Every structure is written in structure tokens, then in C-alpha cells.
């Protein structure tokens, strides 16, 4: 079962996120879904600390509508961290999408102590208790799927991170091959070229220098003794 997590682009209160994304509130068998963006590492750390599964979702350029439809189609409920100051990001968009598609959603904000459930401010129930009472609609054809998901994406919505979609498997393979080749070239450019002859000549030179230094030392020592003996 999937739980979709969304937050404001400017959200930075991850202590509040950690308070809600943990096995005490959410069944650890559920998979946390999160779109790629600047806060991905924070969400990943929270899931790792709580031993919860994380599914990283891309927002694919040219297939944004399909990306959102797919995320909602397999979602039991949505958790939105929203301070009601951003109205052109996916946090505000998914409030409308959940409402239109009758998908349960929770809103947590730094401006209120409790939480909103399906648009209504809840002051009496605990989050974990409400979550346990949620039932996921199933049918005989599409088990664990929200059927007929309707997504309308306004043009003014700003996305945290959009990824291009490769056209075919050959392009994916070529991209991977080119990436590895760049890494190899960079590694080779930084490597030290080993030349056995140069190394041997250098060792001989070092040895010769040591011998010459030793001879100079002994000569100076003899001269010093001769000077002392004449006094």
C-alpha cells in the first residue's frame, strides 16, 4: 500500500515530518512515495531511520499529467506539509487532486497544532487513529487501485524537479554508456602514468645523490678531525 508525501517547496521543518512519518503512525508495510526534489535526502533519511520503505517518484517532462495520475492511482492516502503560503506548487495542487478524486488527505502546518483531514480541521482525533480507520477501495478488476483518477494540471504550477523521459531503451543504454565513459575518461586523466624506465632512472639518481652526500659527509668529517688534531 502506498502513502504519498508532499511538501511545500520552502518547507524546512523536518522534525514535524519525522513526527508523522514513523511506524507508530503509519503501517511499516506501507510504502512512502515522494517526488524527486531538493528535500529528497531529508525524506530518505527519515525513512531510513524509521525502517520504512521509500519509493522515489520522478516528475517526467512531457508526461507530468501521467506522472501525477500514476502516483494517485496506487495511493491509500496523502500527507501534505503545507503552510498555506504557496499556491503555485504541487502541495496546493495535490490538495485539489485528492479532493476531486476522493482520496483521503492530511494537511500538517506549522501554523496549527493539530491537522486537517479531507479539508476539515481536526482537534479531537489523533493522526494515527484516523489512519488506522482508513479503508482502501478495491474492486474485482483493479485490486488496490483508485480507478478513474482525474488529473488537471494548471500551467502556473512550479515543479520541484522535472526529469526528461528517454524515448526508448536504446537511448537509456546510450546514456548509461556515455556516463560511464565520461567517468572513465575523468579517472584516466587524473591517474599517474607508470613508466618503469623513468622509475628506475629516478631510483638510480636518488641512490647516486645519497652516495655523493655520504662521500661529502665523510670528507667533511675527515677535514674536521684534521683541524682538531692540529690545535
Protein backbone atom coordinates (compact mmCIF):
# COMPACT_ATOMS: atom_id res chain seq x y z
CA UNK A 1 0.00 0.00 0.00
CA UNK A 2 1.29 3.46 -0.92
CA UNK A 3 1.32 6.70 1.06
CA UNK A 4 2.06 9.81 -1.00
CA UNK A 5 4.00 12.56 0.82
CA UNK A 6 4.05 16.14 -0.50
CA UNK A 7 5.54 19.29 0.99
CA UNK A 8 5.86 22.99 0.21
CA UNK A 9 8.89 23.94 -1.85
CA UNK A 10 10.08 26.16 1.01
CA UNK A 11 9.34 23.61 3.74
CA UNK A 12 12.21 23.08 6.20
CA UNK A 13 10.56 21.75 9.38
CA UNK A 14 11.56 18.11 9.05
CA UNK A 15 11.19 17.50 12.77
CA UNK A 16 7.44 17.73 12.13
CA UNK A 17 7.77 15.40 9.15
CA UNK A 18 9.67 12.87 11.27
CA UNK A 19 6.93 13.04 13.90
CA UNK A 20 4.38 11.86 11.33
CA UNK A 21 6.41 9.52 9.11
CA UNK A 22 7.13 6.71 11.55
CA UNK A 23 5.82 3.20 12.31
CA UNK A 24 3.84 4.47 15.31
CA UNK A 25 1.58 6.42 12.95
CA UNK A 26 1.87 4.59 9.63
CA UNK A 27 1.90 0.86 8.98
CA UNK A 28 5.56 -0.02 8.18
CA UNK A 29 4.29 -2.28 5.41
CA UNK A 30 3.10 0.82 3.58
CA UNK A 31 5.49 2.35 1.08
CA UNK A 32 6.25 6.07 1.30
CA UNK A 33 6.07 7.72 -2.14
CA UNK A 34 7.88 11.02 -2.72
CA UNK A 35 8.67 13.08 -5.81
CA UNK A 36 12.28 13.95 -6.59
CA UNK A 37 13.22 17.42 -5.36
CA UNK A 38 15.54 19.38 -3.09
CA UNK A 39 14.11 17.74 0.07
CA UNK A 40 14.50 14.14 -1.12
CA UNK A 41 17.55 13.49 1.08
CA UNK A 42 15.69 14.60 4.23
CA UNK A 43 12.75 12.30 3.47
CA UNK A 44 15.15 9.46 2.67
CA UNK A 45 16.96 9.93 6.00
CA UNK A 46 13.68 9.91 7.93
CA UNK A 47 12.54 6.71 6.20
CA UNK A 48 15.90 5.05 6.81
CA UNK A 49 15.87 5.97 10.50
CA UNK A 50 12.37 4.51 10.89
CA UNK A 51 12.98 1.44 8.70
CA UNK A 52 10.26 2.49 6.26
CA UNK A 53 10.21 1.81 2.53
CA UNK A 54 10.70 4.77 0.21
CA UNK A 55 9.65 4.87 -3.43
CA UNK A 56 11.25 7.79 -5.29
CA UNK A 57 8.95 9.12 -7.98
CA UNK A 58 10.07 11.25 -10.94
CA UNK A 59 8.09 14.07 -12.49
CA UNK A 60 8.74 13.32 -16.13
CA UNK A 61 8.93 16.15 -18.63
CA UNK A 62 6.22 15.77 -21.25
CA UNK A 63 4.38 13.26 -19.04
CA UNK A 64 3.62 15.36 -15.96
CA UNK A 65 -0.10 14.57 -16.02
CA UNK A 66 0.63 10.84 -16.33
CA UNK A 67 3.20 11.03 -13.50
CA UNK A 68 0.61 12.51 -11.14
CA UNK A 69 -2.10 10.10 -12.26
CA UNK A 70 0.15 7.13 -11.59
CA UNK A 71 1.09 8.43 -8.13
CA UNK A 72 -2.56 8.81 -7.11
CA UNK A 73 -3.80 5.62 -8.68
CA UNK A 74 -1.96 3.46 -6.14
CA UNK A 75 -2.24 5.76 -3.11
CA UNK A 76 -4.19 4.91 0.04
CA UNK A 77 -3.88 8.42 1.44
CA UNK A 78 -1.80 11.55 1.00
CA UNK A 79 0.13 13.55 3.62
CA UNK A 80 0.73 17.20 2.71
CA UNK A 81 3.03 19.52 4.67
CA UNK A 82 1.68 22.91 3.72
CA UNK A 83 1.86 26.36 5.32
CA UNK A 84 -0.84 27.89 3.09
CA UNK A 85 1.57 30.42 1.59
CA UNK A 86 2.34 28.61 -1.68
CA UNK A 87 -0.42 28.33 -4.24
CA UNK A 88 1.61 27.55 -7.35
CA UNK A 89 3.41 24.37 -6.23
CA UNK A 90 2.39 20.71 -6.08
CA UNK A 91 1.45 20.94 -2.38
CA UNK A 92 -1.57 23.12 -3.20
CA UNK A 93 -2.21 21.18 -6.44
CA UNK A 94 -2.46 17.82 -4.67
CA UNK A 95 -4.97 19.16 -2.16
CA UNK A 96 -7.30 19.79 -5.11
CA UNK A 97 -6.41 16.49 -6.81
CA UNK A 98 -7.10 14.47 -3.66
CA UNK A 99 -10.36 16.34 -3.13
CA UNK A 100 -11.50 15.81 -6.73
CA UNK A 101 -10.62 12.11 -6.72
CA UNK A 102 -11.91 11.42 -3.19
CA UNK A 103 -8.51 10.27 -1.94
CA UNK A 104 -8.07 10.81 1.83
CA UNK A 105 -5.54 13.53 2.59
CA UNK A 106 -3.98 15.07 5.69
CA UNK A 107 -2.54 18.58 5.90
CA UNK A 108 0.04 19.41 8.54
CA UNK A 109 1.08 23.01 9.02
CA UNK A 110 3.40 24.96 11.27
CA UNK A 111 0.51 27.39 11.83
CA UNK A 112 -1.72 24.94 13.70
CA UNK A 113 -1.23 22.36 16.44
CA UNK A 114 -3.45 19.59 15.04
CA UNK A 115 -4.13 18.65 11.42
CA UNK A 116 -6.63 18.93 8.58
CA UNK A 117 -8.32 15.78 7.36
CA UNK A 118 -10.07 15.99 3.99
CA UNK A 119 -10.21 19.78 4.34
CA UNK A 120 -11.64 19.89 7.87
CA UNK A 121 -9.60 20.90 10.89
CA UNK A 122 -9.41 18.02 13.35
CA UNK A 123 -8.92 18.86 17.03
CA UNK A 124 -10.16 15.70 18.75
CA UNK A 125 -8.77 12.61 16.99
CA UNK A 126 -5.16 11.51 16.85
CA UNK A 127 -3.48 11.17 13.47
CA UNK A 128 -2.55 7.50 13.97
CA UNK A 129 -6.12 6.61 14.95
CA UNK A 130 -7.61 8.25 11.87
CA UNK A 131 -5.05 6.49 9.65
CA UNK A 132 -5.98 3.09 11.09
CA UNK A 133 -9.64 3.68 10.28
CA UNK A 134 -9.00 4.40 6.60
CA UNK A 135 -10.17 1.80 4.12
CA UNK A 136 -8.84 1.48 0.62
CA UNK A 137 -11.44 1.00 -2.11
CA UNK A 138 -10.97 -2.19 -4.10
CA UNK A 139 -12.80 -3.82 -6.97
CA UNK A 140 -12.63 -7.20 -8.65
CA UNK A 141 -10.70 -5.87 -11.64
CA UNK A 142 -8.24 -3.40 -10.14
CA UNK A 143 -7.32 -4.52 -6.64
CA UNK A 144 -5.67 -1.76 -4.56
CA UNK A 145 -6.15 0.80 -7.32
CA UNK A 146 -8.04 4.10 -7.34
CA UNK A 147 -9.94 3.78 -10.60
CA UNK A 148 -10.78 6.69 -12.88
CA UNK A 149 -8.23 9.11 -11.47
CA UNK A 150 -8.80 12.54 -13.00
CA UNK A 151 -5.84 14.94 -13.06
CA UNK A 152 -5.97 18.53 -14.30
CA UNK A 153 -2.62 20.34 -14.08
CA UNK A 154 -2.74 24.18 -14.38
CA UNK A 155 0.01 25.88 -16.37
CA UNK A 156 1.15 28.03 -13.44
CA UNK A 157 2.25 25.13 -11.24
CA UNK A 158 6.00 25.08 -10.45
CA UNK A 159 7.59 21.65 -10.09
CA UNK A 160 10.49 20.88 -7.72
CA UNK A 161 12.45 18.81 -10.22
CA UNK A 162 11.48 17.66 -13.69
CA UNK A 163 13.31 14.77 -15.35
CA UNK A 164 13.45 14.18 -19.08
CA UNK A 165 12.00 10.93 -20.30
CA UNK A 166 14.18 8.79 -22.63
CA UNK A 167 12.32 7.82 -25.78
CA UNK A 168 13.40 4.19 -25.91
CA UNK A 169 15.59 1.55 -24.29
CA UNK A 170 18.43 2.21 -26.76
CA UNK A 171 18.59 5.82 -25.60
CA UNK A 172 18.70 4.70 -21.96
CA UNK A 173 21.56 2.30 -22.71
CA UNK A 174 23.44 5.00 -24.63
CA UNK A 175 23.00 7.46 -21.76
CA UNK A 176 24.38 4.94 -19.28
CA UNK A 177 27.27 4.03 -21.59
CA UNK A 178 28.17 7.70 -22.14
CA UNK A 179 28.04 8.40 -18.42
CA UNK A 180 30.40 5.51 -17.65
CA UNK A 181 32.75 6.60 -20.45
CA UNK A 182 32.91 10.14 -19.02
CA UNK A 183 33.72 8.74 -15.58
CA UNK A 184 36.43 6.52 -17.08
CA UNK A 185 37.95 9.40 -19.06
CA UNK A 186 37.97 11.61 -15.98
CA UNK A 187 39.60 8.84 -13.94
CA UNK A 188 42.23 8.24 -16.62
CA UNK A 189 43.02 11.96 -16.86
CA UNK A 190 43.73 12.06 -13.14
CA UNK A 191 45.74 8.83 -13.00
CA UNK A 192 49.57 8.77 -12.76
CA UNK A 193 51.26 7.18 -15.77
CA UNK A 194 53.66 4.47 -14.65
CA UNK A 195 56.85 4.23 -16.71
CA UNK A 196 59.24 1.57 -15.47
CA UNK A 197 62.34 3.08 -17.10
CA UNK A 198 61.63 6.51 -15.59
CA UNK A 199 61.15 4.93 -12.18
CA UNK A 200 64.44 3.00 -12.41
CA UNK A 201 66.36 6.09 -13.57
CA UNK A 202 64.85 8.06 -10.72
CA UNK A 203 65.89 5.39 -8.22
CA UNK A 204 69.44 5.41 -9.59
CA UNK A 205 69.56 9.18 -9.34
CA UNK A 206 68.35 9.05 -5.75
CA UNK A 207 70.91 6.37 -4.94
CA UNK A 208 73.70 8.42 -6.58
CA UNK A 209 72.68 11.52 -4.65
CA UNK A 210 72.75 9.56 -1.42
CA UNK A 211 76.20 8.19 -2.21
CA UNK A 212 77.52 11.64 -3.09
CA UNK A 213 76.07 13.09 0.07
CA UNK A 214 77.68 10.34 2.09
CA UNK A 215 81.08 10.93 0.45
CA UNK A 216 80.81 14.67 1.13
CA UNK A 217 79.88 13.95 4.71
CA UNK A 218 82.90 11.68 5.23
CA UNK A 219 85.25 14.16 3.59
CA UNK A 220 83.98 16.93 5.82
CA UNK A 221 84.31 14.69 8.83
CA UNK A 222 87.94 13.89 7.99
CA UNK A 223 88.73 17.56 7.47
CA UNK A 224 87.13 18.40 10.81
CA UNK A 225 89.24 15.78 12.59
CA UNK A 226 92.42 17.04 10.95
CA UNK A 227 91.60 20.57 12.05
CA UNK A 228 91.01 19.44 15.62
CA UNK A 229 94.24 17.42 15.72
CA UNK A 230 96.36 20.44 14.60
CA UNK A 231 95.12 22.57 17.50
